[in-house]
């Protein structure tokens, strides 16, 4: 409880900015692994994107996913993906001919004593192409809106750091899909677009505090831009973690309970993207966006001059005075 209170008050100063080499190395490794997965395995696109046939029915006799898959295999359909939801079976396969579809309907009706109508859909790949095109357009508009908003509300360098963090989140999430083999559906695209907004919110909270703290830096400041940014990050840490935890818990419940016990395939497609994206987004807002912003800002002559003066003062002032100034800085930040 004491640790939580100290985190909440910003009394624990975790050096996120100073460990930028660690964060960059970790992110670089994750990005390389993710890109490798996309190049080697690619994404497992659903029938909505690559086209195919979808057959769904509700059996009146007890059966299993494996039994249904074997039934389709016996009829010459070797790429059948079988899902079950609310006692209904949904089978996705390559594009089937009318003769094959009619024969499957007859076999299913006899073998599983189906009383209700057997639903059959044939989906063309062109529909998935339209969905993908609209998703890319939506992503482009979203990115442009982010750049304009952050550039006006904050500054262009903060916009650049936020965009890099968003791309970082998207690539890693897509890489997890590539390595895991989870199917990418329109619901997955919705999840991808949703995590962009969540990741941006986390970055804006941190950037707003950094803007407030660093606005006080001047020629007589006793801290550099990186020190001020790290103090601001420490004060928003507990808020970021609380927000992430509150958001991740219900998504985790949907992912692990809803899909396992209820067999809700659409919920799985959406919740997996949200679950992974929220975790990666929290990490990137703390360990990617902020260190990158500091790297960009400390190249400015104003902050380089402050850094040289602070380094010279701390070198001649001893540890005791440095510790006292740091305590006053923390108090000033907490008061702000």
Protein backbone atom coordinates (compact mmCIF):
# COMPACT_ATOMS: atom_id res chain seq x y z
CA UNK A 1 0.00 0.00 0.00
CA UNK A 2 2.92 2.35 0.76
CA UNK A 3 4.40 1.69 -2.68
CA UNK A 4 1.07 2.42 -4.39
CA UNK A 5 0.69 5.70 -2.47
CA UNK A 6 4.23 6.76 -3.37
CA UNK A 7 3.63 5.92 -7.03
CA UNK A 8 0.39 7.88 -6.97
CA UNK A 9 2.12 10.94 -5.52
CA UNK A 10 5.02 10.68 -7.95
CA UNK A 11 7.54 10.18 -5.15
CA UNK A 12 9.18 7.22 -6.89
CA UNK A 13 11.33 8.41 -9.76
CA UNK A 14 11.73 5.58 -12.29
CA UNK A 15 14.30 6.52 -14.92
CA UNK A 16 12.31 5.64 -18.07
CA UNK A 17 14.08 8.24 -20.21
CA UNK A 18 17.57 7.29 -19.02
CA UNK A 19 17.01 3.66 -20.02
CA UNK A 20 16.21 4.56 -23.63
CA UNK A 21 18.80 2.10 -24.98
CA UNK A 22 17.01 -0.76 -23.22
CA UNK A 23 13.58 0.30 -24.56
CA UNK A 24 14.86 0.87 -28.09
CA UNK A 25 16.60 -2.52 -28.08
CA UNK A 26 13.49 -4.29 -26.80
CA UNK A 27 11.23 -2.54 -29.30
CA UNK A 28 13.70 -3.20 -32.11
CA UNK A 29 13.75 -6.90 -31.25
CA UNK A 30 9.93 -7.09 -31.13
CA UNK A 31 9.64 -5.25 -34.44
CA UNK A 32 12.17 -7.54 -36.15
CA UNK A 33 10.35 -10.64 -34.88
CA UNK A 34 6.98 -9.19 -35.93
CA UNK A 35 8.15 -8.22 -39.42
CA UNK A 36 9.76 -11.66 -39.82
CA UNK A 37 6.43 -13.27 -38.94
CA UNK A 38 4.62 -11.12 -41.49
CA UNK A 39 7.17 -11.99 -44.20
CA UNK A 40 7.45 -15.71 -43.39
CA UNK A 41 3.91 -16.66 -42.38
CA UNK A 42 1.87 -13.70 -43.49
CA UNK A 43 -1.57 -12.98 -42.08
CA UNK A 44 -4.21 -15.70 -42.00
CA UNK A 45 -6.90 -13.76 -43.87
CA UNK A 46 -10.48 -14.79 -43.30
CA UNK A 47 -12.95 -15.76 -45.98
CA UNK A 48 -14.15 -12.14 -46.11
CA UNK A 49 -10.81 -11.14 -47.63
CA UNK A 50 -9.75 -14.09 -49.76
CA UNK A 51 -13.19 -15.34 -50.77
CA UNK A 52 -14.78 -18.75 -50.20
CA UNK A 53 -17.87 -20.54 -48.95
CA UNK A 54 -19.50 -20.47 -45.52
CA UNK A 55 -21.93 -23.16 -44.36
CA UNK A 56 -23.66 -23.01 -40.98
CA UNK A 57 -26.18 -25.35 -39.35
CA UNK A 58 -27.54 -26.48 -35.98
CA UNK A 59 -27.35 -30.26 -35.46
CA UNK A 60 -30.09 -32.11 -33.59
CA UNK A 61 -27.67 -34.85 -32.49
CA UNK A 62 -24.49 -34.61 -30.41
CA UNK A 63 -21.37 -33.99 -32.47
CA UNK A 64 -17.90 -32.44 -32.27
CA UNK A 65 -15.78 -30.05 -34.27
CA UNK A 66 -13.51 -32.89 -35.36
CA UNK A 67 -16.46 -34.97 -36.53
CA UNK A 68 -17.80 -32.10 -38.65
CA UNK A 69 -14.33 -31.50 -40.09
CA UNK A 70 -14.05 -35.19 -41.02
CA UNK A 71 -17.46 -35.07 -42.70
CA UNK A 72 -16.33 -32.25 -44.95
CA UNK A 73 -13.01 -33.97 -45.61
CA UNK A 74 -14.84 -37.11 -46.73
CA UNK A 75 -16.69 -34.99 -49.28
CA UNK A 76 -13.45 -33.61 -50.72
CA UNK A 77 -13.27 -30.34 -48.75
CA UNK A 78 -9.79 -30.39 -47.21
CA UNK A 79 -9.43 -26.75 -46.10
CA UNK A 80 -12.45 -26.53 -43.83
CA UNK A 81 -12.25 -24.30 -40.74
CA UNK A 82 -14.91 -25.37 -38.22
CA UNK A 83 -16.18 -23.07 -35.45
CA UNK A 84 -19.00 -23.60 -32.98
CA UNK A 85 -21.15 -20.91 -31.35
CA UNK A 86 -24.38 -21.44 -29.39
CA UNK A 87 -24.70 -25.04 -30.60
CA UNK A 88 -24.39 -23.92 -34.22
CA UNK A 89 -21.49 -24.95 -36.45
CA UNK A 90 -19.92 -22.55 -38.93
CA UNK A 91 -17.65 -24.05 -41.58
CA UNK A 92 -15.46 -21.83 -43.73
CA UNK A 93 -13.76 -23.34 -46.77
CA UNK A 94 -12.43 -22.63 -50.23
CA UNK A 95 -14.96 -21.63 -52.88
CA UNK A 96 -17.22 -24.63 -53.49
CA UNK A 97 -19.15 -25.51 -56.62
CA UNK A 98 -22.94 -25.68 -56.61
CA UNK A 99 -22.84 -29.48 -56.95
CA UNK A 100 -20.48 -29.87 -53.97
CA UNK A 101 -22.57 -27.48 -51.88
CA UNK A 102 -25.80 -29.33 -52.66
CA UNK A 103 -24.22 -32.69 -51.79
CA UNK A 104 -22.84 -31.31 -48.49
CA UNK A 105 -26.27 -29.98 -47.54
CA UNK A 106 -27.78 -33.39 -48.13
CA UNK A 107 -25.08 -35.19 -46.12
CA UNK A 108 -25.32 -32.71 -43.23
CA UNK A 109 -29.11 -32.96 -43.08
CA UNK A 110 -29.04 -36.76 -42.94
CA UNK A 111 -26.05 -37.25 -40.66
CA UNK A 112 -26.85 -34.55 -38.09
CA UNK A 113 -30.66 -34.67 -38.34
CA UNK A 114 -30.81 -30.93 -39.05
CA UNK A 115 -34.31 -29.54 -38.53
CA UNK A 116 -33.59 -25.90 -39.39
CA UNK A 117 -32.44 -24.43 -42.65
CA UNK A 118 -28.78 -24.89 -43.59
CA UNK A 119 -27.28 -21.48 -44.38
CA UNK A 120 -24.91 -21.31 -47.34
CA UNK A 121 -22.98 -18.20 -48.37
CA UNK A 122 -20.51 -17.62 -51.16
CA UNK A 123 -18.25 -14.62 -50.55
CA UNK A 124 -16.11 -13.09 -53.27
CA UNK A 125 -12.62 -11.76 -52.63
CA UNK A 126 -13.63 -8.37 -54.08
CA UNK A 127 -15.71 -7.61 -50.97
CA UNK A 128 -12.68 -8.13 -48.75
CA UNK A 129 -10.67 -5.88 -51.05
CA UNK A 130 -13.20 -3.09 -50.54
CA UNK A 131 -13.07 -3.57 -46.76
CA UNK A 132 -9.25 -3.44 -46.81
CA UNK A 133 -9.26 -0.32 -48.97
CA UNK A 134 -11.67 1.47 -46.63
CA UNK A 135 -9.61 0.37 -43.62
CA UNK A 136 -6.44 1.84 -45.15
CA UNK A 137 -8.28 5.06 -45.96
CA UNK A 138 -9.58 5.21 -42.39
CA UNK A 139 -6.08 4.61 -41.04
CA UNK A 140 -4.65 7.37 -43.24
CA UNK A 141 -7.31 9.87 -42.19
CA UNK A 142 -6.76 8.92 -38.54
CA UNK A 143 -3.00 9.43 -38.78
CA UNK A 144 -3.42 12.78 -40.53
CA UNK A 145 -5.90 13.93 -37.89
CA UNK A 146 -3.45 12.91 -35.14
CA UNK A 147 -0.60 14.87 -36.75
CA UNK A 148 -2.74 17.99 -37.14
CA UNK A 149 -4.20 17.80 -33.63
CA UNK A 150 -0.94 17.13 -31.78
CA UNK A 151 0.92 19.72 -33.86
CA UNK A 152 -1.62 22.40 -32.92
CA UNK A 153 -2.32 21.33 -29.33
CA UNK A 154 1.30 20.46 -28.50
CA UNK A 155 4.04 20.57 -31.14
CA UNK A 156 5.14 18.67 -34.30
CA UNK A 157 7.83 16.66 -32.48
CA UNK A 158 5.24 15.28 -30.10
CA UNK A 159 3.09 14.38 -33.11
CA UNK A 160 6.04 12.55 -34.67
CA UNK A 161 6.77 10.62 -31.47
CA UNK A 162 3.08 9.62 -31.16
CA UNK A 163 2.91 8.44 -34.80
CA UNK A 164 6.05 6.33 -34.37
CA UNK A 165 4.54 4.75 -31.24
CA UNK A 166 1.27 4.00 -33.08
CA UNK A 167 3.08 2.33 -35.99
CA UNK A 168 5.14 0.40 -33.43
CA UNK A 169 1.92 -0.87 -31.80
CA UNK A 170 0.30 -1.87 -35.10
CA UNK A 171 3.32 -3.78 -36.41
CA UNK A 172 3.82 -5.75 -33.17
CA UNK A 173 0.11 -6.61 -32.93
CA UNK A 174 0.06 -7.72 -36.57
CA UNK A 175 3.21 -9.78 -35.95
CA UNK A 176 1.51 -11.64 -33.09
CA UNK A 177 -1.36 -12.47 -35.46
CA UNK A 178 1.14 -13.71 -38.05
CA UNK A 179 3.01 -16.01 -35.64
CA UNK A 180 -0.12 -17.27 -33.85
CA UNK A 181 -2.07 -17.94 -37.03
CA UNK A 182 -5.23 -16.27 -35.71
CA UNK A 183 -7.67 -15.43 -38.47
CA UNK A 184 -7.90 -11.81 -39.58
CA UNK A 185 -11.52 -10.75 -40.10
CA UNK A 186 -13.34 -7.40 -40.38
CA UNK A 187 -13.76 -7.53 -36.59
CA UNK A 188 -9.96 -7.71 -36.30
CA UNK A 189 -9.63 -4.53 -38.36
CA UNK A 190 -12.06 -2.81 -35.98
CA UNK A 191 -9.86 -3.93 -33.10
CA UNK A 192 -6.77 -2.54 -34.82
CA UNK A 193 -8.41 0.85 -35.34
CA UNK A 194 -9.65 0.88 -31.73
CA UNK A 195 -6.20 0.32 -30.22
CA UNK A 196 -4.93 3.32 -32.16
CA UNK A 197 -7.29 5.57 -30.23
CA UNK A 198 -6.40 3.93 -26.92
CA UNK A 199 -2.65 4.19 -27.52
CA UNK A 200 -3.03 7.83 -28.56
CA UNK A 201 -4.97 8.65 -25.38
CA UNK A 202 -2.19 7.23 -23.21
CA UNK A 203 0.46 9.23 -25.11
CA UNK A 204 -1.55 12.47 -24.89
CA UNK A 205 -1.88 12.14 -21.09
CA UNK A 206 1.91 11.82 -20.77
CA UNK A 207 2.65 14.57 -23.31
CA UNK A 208 0.26 16.99 -21.58
CA UNK A 209 2.16 16.62 -18.29
CA UNK A 210 5.51 16.92 -20.08
CA UNK A 211 4.35 20.11 -21.80
CA UNK A 212 3.26 21.59 -18.46
CA UNK A 213 6.51 20.73 -16.68
CA UNK A 214 8.96 21.64 -19.47
CA UNK A 215 7.24 25.01 -20.07
CA UNK A 216 8.95 26.21 -16.86
CA UNK A 217 12.46 25.41 -18.12
CA UNK A 218 14.61 28.48 -18.66
CA UNK A 219 18.13 29.80 -18.32
CA UNK A 220 18.06 29.38 -14.53
CA UNK A 221 16.51 25.88 -14.51
CA UNK A 222 18.13 23.24 -12.35
CA UNK A 223 16.96 20.32 -14.51
CA UNK A 224 17.36 19.31 -18.14
CA UNK A 225 14.54 18.49 -20.53
CA UNK A 226 15.10 14.77 -19.98
CA UNK A 227 14.96 15.18 -16.20
CA UNK A 228 11.74 17.21 -16.41
CA UNK A 229 10.17 14.73 -18.84
CA UNK A 230 11.09 11.82 -16.61
CA UNK A 231 9.57 13.55 -13.57
CA UNK A 232 6.38 14.18 -15.55
CA UNK A 233 6.31 10.54 -16.61
CA UNK A 234 6.67 9.40 -13.00
CA UNK A 235 3.66 11.51 -12.03
CA UNK A 236 1.46 10.04 -14.77
CA UNK A 237 2.69 6.47 -14.30
CA UNK A 238 0.04 5.31 -11.84
CA UNK A 239 -2.71 6.90 -13.94
CA UNK A 240 -1.49 5.13 -17.08
CA UNK A 241 -1.25 1.79 -15.28
CA UNK A 242 -4.70 2.17 -13.70
CA UNK A 243 -6.28 3.10 -17.03
CA UNK A 244 -4.60 0.15 -18.74
CA UNK A 245 -5.62 -2.33 -16.05
CA UNK A 246 -9.25 -1.19 -16.04
CA UNK A 247 -9.40 -1.46 -19.83
CA UNK A 248 -7.54 -4.77 -20.15
CA UNK A 249 -9.51 -6.74 -17.53
CA UNK A 250 -12.88 -6.78 -19.36
CA UNK A 251 -11.16 -7.41 -22.69
CA UNK A 252 -9.29 -10.33 -21.13
CA UNK A 253 -12.60 -11.67 -19.80
CA UNK A 254 -14.08 -11.52 -23.31
CA UNK A 255 -11.02 -13.15 -24.82
CA UNK A 256 -10.39 -15.99 -22.36
CA UNK A 257 -13.86 -16.62 -20.94
CA UNK A 258 -16.16 -15.63 -23.78
CA UNK A 259 -14.27 -17.46 -26.49
CA UNK A 260 -13.36 -20.51 -24.40
CA UNK A 261 -16.67 -21.16 -22.65
CA UNK A 262 -19.11 -19.55 -25.07
CA UNK A 263 -17.20 -20.18 -28.29
CA UNK A 264 -17.84 -16.67 -29.62
CA UNK A 265 -15.59 -16.48 -32.67
CA UNK A 266 -16.32 -12.85 -33.56
CA UNK A 267 -15.54 -11.75 -30.01
CA UNK A 268 -12.22 -13.57 -30.22
CA UNK A 269 -11.27 -11.73 -33.42
CA UNK A 270 -12.00 -8.37 -31.80
CA UNK A 271 -10.77 -9.01 -28.26
CA UNK A 272 -7.38 -10.48 -29.22
CA UNK A 273 -6.46 -7.34 -31.15
CA UNK A 274 -7.64 -5.17 -28.26
CA UNK A 275 -5.85 -7.24 -25.61
CA UNK A 276 -2.49 -7.26 -27.38
CA UNK A 277 -2.81 -3.67 -28.58
CA UNK A 278 -3.61 -2.27 -25.12
CA UNK A 279 -0.61 -3.95 -23.52
CA UNK A 280 1.75 -2.85 -26.29
CA UNK A 281 0.17 0.62 -26.34
CA UNK A 282 0.78 1.13 -22.62
CA UNK A 283 4.39 0.07 -23.04
CA UNK A 284 4.97 2.31 -26.08
CA UNK A 285 3.49 5.44 -24.49
CA UNK A 286 5.87 5.10 -21.52
CA UNK A 287 8.96 3.55 -23.07
CA UNK A 288 8.91 4.54 -26.76
CA UNK A 289 7.02 7.79 -27.32
CA UNK A 290 8.50 9.71 -24.37
CA UNK A 291 12.19 8.70 -24.82
CA UNK A 292 11.86 9.45 -28.55
CA UNK A 293 10.39 12.88 -27.79
CA UNK A 294 13.26 13.61 -25.39
CA UNK A 295 15.80 12.52 -28.03
CA UNK A 296 14.26 14.95 -30.52
CA UNK A 297 13.90 17.86 -28.08
CA UNK A 298 17.39 17.63 -26.57
CA UNK A 299 18.85 18.34 -30.00
CA UNK A 300 17.45 21.87 -29.81
CA UNK A 301 20.08 24.52 -28.92
CA UNK A 302 18.00 25.83 -25.98
CA UNK A 303 17.89 22.47 -24.21
CA UNK A 304 21.49 21.63 -25.15
CA UNK A 305 22.58 24.83 -23.39
CA UNK A 306 20.51 23.97 -20.31
CA UNK A 307 21.99 20.46 -20.25
CA UNK A 308 25.56 21.82 -20.39
CA UNK A 309 24.88 24.32 -17.61
CA UNK A 310 23.18 21.73 -15.37
CA UNK A 311 26.05 19.28 -15.97
CA UNK A 312 28.60 21.94 -15.06
CA UNK A 313 26.67 22.96 -11.94
CA UNK A 314 26.17 19.40 -10.71
CA UNK A 315 29.85 18.66 -11.30
CA UNK A 316 30.89 21.46 -8.98
CA UNK A 317 28.05 21.45 -6.49
CA UNK A 318 28.45 18.00 -4.99
CA UNK A 319 25.94 15.26 -4.37
CA UNK A 320 24.26 16.91 -1.43
CA UNK A 321 23.13 19.99 -3.32
CA UNK A 322 22.07 17.86 -6.26
CA UNK A 323 19.87 15.76 -4.01
CA UNK A 324 18.28 18.83 -2.49
CA UNK A 325 17.51 20.37 -5.87
CA UNK A 326 15.97 17.12 -7.03
CA UNK A 327 13.66 17.07 -4.00
CA UNK A 328 12.54 20.63 -4.73
CA UNK A 329 11.96 19.70 -8.39
CA UNK A 330 9.73 16.78 -7.40
CA UNK A 331 7.83 19.04 -5.02
CA UNK A 332 7.39 21.63 -7.75
CA UNK A 333 6.12 19.03 -10.20
CA UNK A 334 3.72 17.57 -7.62
CA UNK A 335 2.40 21.06 -6.86
CA UNK A 336 1.95 21.74 -10.61
